[in-house]
Amino acid sequence: MSFDEFQEVNALRCATKFPSCDDWTLNDWAVALSGEVGELCNILKKNRRGDTAYSLEGSHGPATRREILKELADVITYADLMMTKLGANTGAEVLDKFDEVSRRVGFER
């Protein structure tokens, strides 16, 4: 699925399955996005301080890696919904920003 297809389906799912979000402001979307980033950071914090249930090196490693990936996916999903709220094309904006930083650091793709 391309960024364009994802953005279309993500917006449709949000509109049909979460109609209470129809009137969300950018602040509401930012709070939702921050919540997902917070969940990701909490997993990483627990791993860093050595909680055995969150150890990436131990027997729980694959499950924790999976949890991290799931939270990252949630972050991307909410960021895409915020892009949609702004009337932006997620793929185009991501590539534009990538190219901007690439030019600044002297990287050619």
N, C-alpha and C. Protein backbone atom coordinates (compact mmCIF):
# COMPACT_ATOMS: atom_id res chain seq x y z
N MET A 1 0.85 -1.17 0.00
CA MET A 1 0.00 0.00 0.00
C MET A 1 0.90 1.24 0.00
N SER A 2 0.61 2.17 -0.85
CA SER A 2 1.39 3.42 -0.93
C SER A 2 0.93 4.38 0.17
N PHE A 3 1.71 5.45 0.37
CA PHE A 3 1.29 6.49 1.31
C PHE A 3 -0.07 7.03 0.92
N ASP A 4 -0.29 7.26 -0.38
CA ASP A 4 -1.57 7.81 -0.83
C ASP A 4 -2.73 6.88 -0.49
N GLU A 5 -2.55 5.60 -0.76
CA GLU A 5 -3.60 4.63 -0.45
C GLU A 5 -3.84 4.55 1.06
N PHE A 6 -2.74 4.53 1.82
CA PHE A 6 -2.86 4.47 3.28
C PHE A 6 -3.61 5.69 3.79
N GLN A 7 -3.26 6.86 3.30
CA GLN A 7 -3.90 8.08 3.78
C GLN A 7 -5.40 8.06 3.50
N GLU A 8 -5.77 7.59 2.33
CA GLU A 8 -7.19 7.51 1.97
C GLU A 8 -7.95 6.54 2.87
N VAL A 9 -7.40 5.36 3.06
CA VAL A 9 -8.06 4.33 3.89
C VAL A 9 -8.06 4.74 5.36
N ASN A 10 -6.98 5.34 5.81
CA ASN A 10 -6.89 5.78 7.20
C ASN A 10 -7.97 6.83 7.49
N ALA A 11 -8.12 7.79 6.60
CA ALA A 11 -9.14 8.83 6.77
C ALA A 11 -10.54 8.23 6.73
N LEU A 12 -10.77 7.30 5.82
CA LEU A 12 -12.08 6.65 5.73
C LEU A 12 -12.41 5.87 6.99
N ARG A 13 -11.43 5.10 7.48
CA ARG A 13 -11.66 4.32 8.71
C ARG A 13 -11.96 5.25 9.87
N CYS A 14 -11.20 6.34 9.98
CA CYS A 14 -11.42 7.28 11.06
C CYS A 14 -12.83 7.89 10.99
N ALA A 15 -13.23 8.30 9.80
CA ALA A 15 -14.54 8.94 9.62
C ALA A 15 -15.69 7.98 9.89
N THR A 16 -15.53 6.71 9.51
CA THR A 16 -16.65 5.77 9.65
C THR A 16 -16.67 5.05 11.00
N LYS A 17 -15.52 4.81 11.58
CA LYS A 17 -15.47 4.03 12.83
C LYS A 17 -15.25 4.88 14.07
N PHE A 18 -14.79 6.11 13.89
CA PHE A 18 -14.55 7.01 15.02
C PHE A 18 -15.15 8.38 14.73
N PRO A 19 -16.49 8.44 14.49
CA PRO A 19 -17.10 9.72 14.10
C PRO A 19 -16.97 10.81 15.16
N SER A 20 -16.69 10.44 16.40
CA SER A 20 -16.52 11.46 17.43
C SER A 20 -15.28 12.32 17.18
N CYS A 21 -14.41 11.89 16.27
CA CYS A 21 -13.20 12.65 15.93
C CYS A 21 -13.44 13.67 14.83
N ASP A 22 -14.64 13.68 14.27
CA ASP A 22 -14.93 14.58 13.14
C ASP A 22 -14.63 16.04 13.44
N ASP A 23 -14.87 16.46 14.66
CA ASP A 23 -14.69 17.88 14.99
C ASP A 23 -13.39 18.14 15.75
N TRP A 24 -12.48 17.19 15.73
CA TRP A 24 -11.21 17.38 16.44
C TRP A 24 -10.42 18.53 15.81
N THR A 25 -9.81 19.29 16.68
CA THR A 25 -8.93 20.38 16.25
C THR A 25 -7.51 19.81 16.08
N LEU A 26 -6.62 20.65 15.56
CA LEU A 26 -5.21 20.24 15.48
C LEU A 26 -4.66 19.94 16.87
N ASN A 27 -5.11 20.68 17.86
CA ASN A 27 -4.67 20.40 19.23
C ASN A 27 -5.10 19.01 19.67
N ASP A 28 -6.33 18.63 19.34
CA ASP A 28 -6.82 17.29 19.70
C ASP A 28 -5.97 16.21 19.03
N TRP A 29 -5.65 16.41 17.75
CA TRP A 29 -4.83 15.43 17.04
C TRP A 29 -3.42 15.38 17.63
N ALA A 30 -2.89 16.54 18.02
CA ALA A 30 -1.55 16.58 18.62
C ALA A 30 -1.54 15.86 19.96
N VAL A 31 -2.60 16.00 20.74
CA VAL A 31 -2.68 15.30 22.02
C VAL A 31 -2.75 13.79 21.79
N ALA A 32 -3.53 13.37 20.81
CA ALA A 32 -3.62 11.94 20.49
C ALA A 32 -2.27 11.41 20.03
N LEU A 33 -1.60 12.16 19.18
CA LEU A 33 -0.27 11.78 18.70
C LEU A 33 0.71 11.70 19.87
N SER A 34 0.67 12.68 20.75
CA SER A 34 1.55 12.68 21.92
C SER A 34 1.30 11.48 22.82
N GLY A 35 0.05 11.08 22.94
CA GLY A 35 -0.28 9.89 23.73
C GLY A 35 0.39 8.65 23.18
N GLU A 36 0.39 8.51 21.86
CA GLU A 36 1.04 7.36 21.24
C GLU A 36 2.55 7.41 21.41
N VAL A 37 3.13 8.60 21.26
CA VAL A 37 4.57 8.75 21.49
C VAL A 37 4.90 8.42 22.95
N GLY A 38 4.03 8.84 23.86
CA GLY A 38 4.22 8.53 25.28
C GLY A 38 4.20 7.04 25.55
N GLU A 39 3.30 6.31 24.90
CA GLU A 39 3.26 4.85 25.08
C GLU A 39 4.54 4.22 24.59
N LEU A 40 5.05 4.68 23.46
CA LEU A 40 6.32 4.18 22.93
C LEU A 40 7.45 4.48 23.91
N CYS A 41 7.51 5.70 24.40
CA CYS A 41 8.57 6.09 25.33
C CYS A 41 8.50 5.30 26.63
N ASN A 42 7.31 4.96 27.08
CA ASN A 42 7.17 4.19 28.31
C ASN A 42 7.78 2.79 28.16
N ILE A 43 7.55 2.16 27.02
CA ILE A 43 8.15 0.85 26.76
C ILE A 43 9.67 0.97 26.75
N LEU A 44 10.18 1.99 26.06
CA LEU A 44 11.63 2.17 25.96
C LEU A 44 12.24 2.52 27.32
N LYS A 45 11.54 3.30 28.11
CA LYS A 45 12.01 3.65 29.46
C LYS A 45 12.15 2.39 30.31
N LYS A 46 11.12 1.54 30.27
CA LYS A 46 11.16 0.31 31.07
C LYS A 46 12.28 -0.61 30.61
N ASN A 47 12.51 -0.65 29.31
CA ASN A 47 13.63 -1.44 28.79
C ASN A 47 14.96 -0.87 29.28
N ARG A 48 15.09 0.43 29.21
CA ARG A 48 16.36 1.08 29.58
C ARG A 48 16.70 0.88 31.06
N ARG A 49 15.67 0.91 31.92
CA ARG A 49 15.95 0.76 33.35
C ARG A 49 16.09 -0.69 33.77
N GLY A 50 15.90 -1.61 32.81
CA GLY A 50 16.18 -3.01 33.07
C GLY A 50 15.02 -3.86 33.54
N ASP A 51 13.81 -3.38 33.39
CA ASP A 51 12.65 -4.22 33.74
C ASP A 51 12.69 -5.48 32.89
N THR A 52 12.72 -6.64 33.52
CA THR A 52 12.90 -7.89 32.78
C THR A 52 11.76 -8.14 31.80
N ALA A 53 10.57 -7.67 32.10
CA ALA A 53 9.45 -7.87 31.17
C ALA A 53 9.62 -7.08 29.89
N TYR A 54 10.52 -6.10 29.90
CA TYR A 54 10.72 -5.26 28.74
C TYR A 54 12.12 -5.38 28.14
N SER A 55 12.85 -6.41 28.55
CA SER A 55 14.21 -6.57 28.07
C SER A 55 14.24 -6.99 26.62
N LEU A 56 14.91 -6.21 25.79
CA LEU A 56 15.02 -6.54 24.37
C LEU A 56 15.96 -7.72 24.16
N GLU A 57 16.85 -7.97 25.12
CA GLU A 57 17.82 -9.04 24.96
C GLU A 57 17.31 -10.38 25.50
N GLY A 58 16.34 -10.35 26.39
CA GLY A 58 15.88 -11.56 27.05
C GLY A 58 14.84 -12.32 26.25
N SER A 59 14.22 -13.26 26.92
CA SER A 59 13.23 -14.11 26.26
C SER A 59 12.01 -13.31 25.80
N HIS A 60 11.82 -12.15 26.37
CA HIS A 60 10.68 -11.31 25.98
C HIS A 60 11.03 -10.39 24.82
N GLY A 61 12.23 -10.50 24.30
CA GLY A 61 12.71 -9.62 23.25
C GLY A 61 11.78 -9.47 22.06
N PRO A 62 11.39 -10.56 21.40
CA PRO A 62 10.53 -10.40 20.22
C PRO A 62 9.20 -9.74 20.54
N ALA A 63 8.61 -10.05 21.70
CA ALA A 63 7.34 -9.43 22.06
C ALA A 63 7.54 -7.93 22.27
N THR A 64 8.63 -7.55 22.92
CA THR A 64 8.89 -6.14 23.16
C THR A 64 9.20 -5.42 21.85
N ARG A 65 9.98 -6.05 21.00
CA ARG A 65 10.24 -5.45 19.69
C ARG A 65 8.92 -5.23 18.97
N ARG A 66 8.03 -6.19 19.06
CA ARG A 66 6.72 -6.08 18.42
C ARG A 66 5.91 -4.94 19.02
N GLU A 67 5.98 -4.79 20.35
CA GLU A 67 5.28 -3.69 21.01
C GLU A 67 5.81 -2.34 20.52
N ILE A 68 7.11 -2.24 20.40
CA ILE A 68 7.73 -1.01 19.91
C ILE A 68 7.26 -0.70 18.49
N LEU A 69 7.27 -1.71 17.64
CA LEU A 69 6.81 -1.51 16.26
C LEU A 69 5.34 -1.11 16.21
N LYS A 70 4.52 -1.71 17.06
CA LYS A 70 3.10 -1.36 17.09
C LYS A 70 2.90 0.09 17.51
N GLU A 71 3.65 0.53 18.51
CA GLU A 71 3.52 1.92 18.95
C GLU A 71 4.01 2.88 17.87
N LEU A 72 5.12 2.54 17.20
CA LEU A 72 5.59 3.37 16.09
C LEU A 72 4.54 3.46 14.99
N ALA A 73 3.87 2.35 14.72
CA ALA A 73 2.80 2.36 13.71
C ALA A 73 1.65 3.26 14.14
N ASP A 74 1.31 3.24 15.44
CA ASP A 74 0.27 4.14 15.93
C ASP A 74 0.67 5.60 15.75
N VAL A 75 1.94 5.91 16.03
CA VAL A 75 2.45 7.27 15.86
C VAL A 75 2.28 7.70 14.41
N ILE A 76 2.67 6.84 13.48
CA ILE A 76 2.56 7.16 12.05
C ILE A 76 1.10 7.33 11.65
N THR A 77 0.23 6.48 12.16
CA THR A 77 -1.20 6.56 11.83
C THR A 77 -1.79 7.89 12.29
N TYR A 78 -1.49 8.29 13.53
CA TYR A 78 -2.01 9.56 14.02
C TYR A 78 -1.39 10.75 13.30
N ALA A 79 -0.09 10.67 12.99
CA ALA A 79 0.55 11.75 12.24
C ALA A 79 -0.12 11.90 10.87
N ASP A 80 -0.43 10.77 10.24
CA ASP A 80 -1.12 10.81 8.94
C ASP A 80 -2.49 11.45 9.06
N LEU A 81 -3.22 11.12 10.12
CA LEU A 81 -4.54 11.72 10.31
C LEU A 81 -4.43 13.22 10.53
N MET A 82 -3.39 13.64 11.20
CA MET A 82 -3.18 15.08 11.41
C MET A 82 -2.83 15.75 10.08
N MET A 83 -2.02 15.08 9.26
CA MET A 83 -1.71 15.60 7.93
C MET A 83 -2.98 15.76 7.12
N THR A 84 -3.86 14.76 7.20
CA THR A 84 -5.13 14.80 6.48
C THR A 84 -5.97 15.98 6.96
N LYS A 85 -6.01 16.18 8.27
CA LYS A 85 -6.76 17.29 8.84
C LYS A 85 -6.26 18.62 8.27
N LEU A 86 -4.95 18.69 7.99
CA LEU A 86 -4.36 19.90 7.42
C LEU A 86 -4.53 19.98 5.90
N GLY A 87 -5.14 18.94 5.30
CA GLY A 87 -5.34 18.92 3.86
C GLY A 87 -4.07 18.64 3.09
N ALA A 88 -3.12 17.98 3.74
CA ALA A 88 -1.82 17.71 3.12
C ALA A 88 -1.74 16.28 2.62
N ASN A 89 -0.86 16.06 1.67
CA ASN A 89 -0.56 14.72 1.17
C ASN A 89 0.63 14.20 1.98
N THR A 90 0.40 13.17 2.79
CA THR A 90 1.43 12.67 3.70
C THR A 90 2.71 12.28 2.96
N GLY A 91 2.58 11.50 1.92
CA GLY A 91 3.76 11.04 1.19
C GLY A 91 4.56 12.20 0.63
N ALA A 92 3.88 13.17 0.03
CA ALA A 92 4.56 14.32 -0.55
C ALA A 92 5.26 15.15 0.52
N GLU A 93 4.60 15.33 1.65
CA GLU A 93 5.19 16.13 2.73
C GLU A 93 6.41 15.44 3.34
N VAL A 94 6.31 14.12 3.53
CA VAL A 94 7.44 13.37 4.09
C VAL A 94 8.63 13.43 3.15
N LEU A 95 8.39 13.19 1.87
CA LEU A 95 9.49 13.24 0.90
C LEU A 95 10.07 14.64 0.77
N ASP A 96 9.22 15.66 0.81
CA ASP A 96 9.69 17.04 0.72
C ASP A 96 10.60 17.36 1.90
N LYS A 97 10.19 16.97 3.10
CA LYS A 97 11.02 17.22 4.28
C LYS A 97 12.30 16.40 4.24
N PHE A 98 12.20 15.16 3.80
CA PHE A 98 13.39 14.31 3.66
C PHE A 98 14.40 14.95 2.71
N ASP A 99 13.90 15.43 1.57
CA ASP A 99 14.78 16.07 0.59
C ASP A 99 15.38 17.37 1.14
N GLU A 100 14.60 18.12 1.89
CA GLU A 100 15.10 19.36 2.49
C GLU A 100 16.29 19.08 3.42
N VAL A 101 16.13 18.10 4.30
CA VAL A 101 17.21 17.74 5.22
C VAL A 101 18.38 17.14 4.45
N SER A 102 18.08 16.33 3.44
CA SER A 102 19.14 15.71 2.63
C SER A 102 20.01 16.78 1.96
N ARG A 103 19.37 17.81 1.41
CA ARG A 103 20.14 18.90 0.79
C ARG A 103 21.01 19.60 1.84
N ARG A 104 20.45 19.82 3.01
CA ARG A 104 21.16 20.53 4.07
C ARG A 104 22.41 19.75 4.52
N VAL A 105 22.30 18.42 4.55
CA VAL A 105 23.44 17.62 5.03
C VAL A 105 24.29 17.08 3.88
N GLY A 106 23.94 17.42 2.65
CA GLY A 106 24.74 17.00 1.50
C GLY A 106 24.55 15.54 1.12
N PHE A 107 23.32 15.05 1.22
CA PHE A 107 23.02 13.67 0.84
C PHE A 107 22.15 13.67 -0.40
N GLU A 108 22.55 12.88 -1.40
CA GLU A 108 21.74 12.73 -2.61
C GLU A 108 21.16 11.34 -2.67
N ARG A 109 19.89 11.26 -2.97
CA ARG A 109 19.26 9.95 -3.08
C ARG A 109 19.11 9.54 -4.51
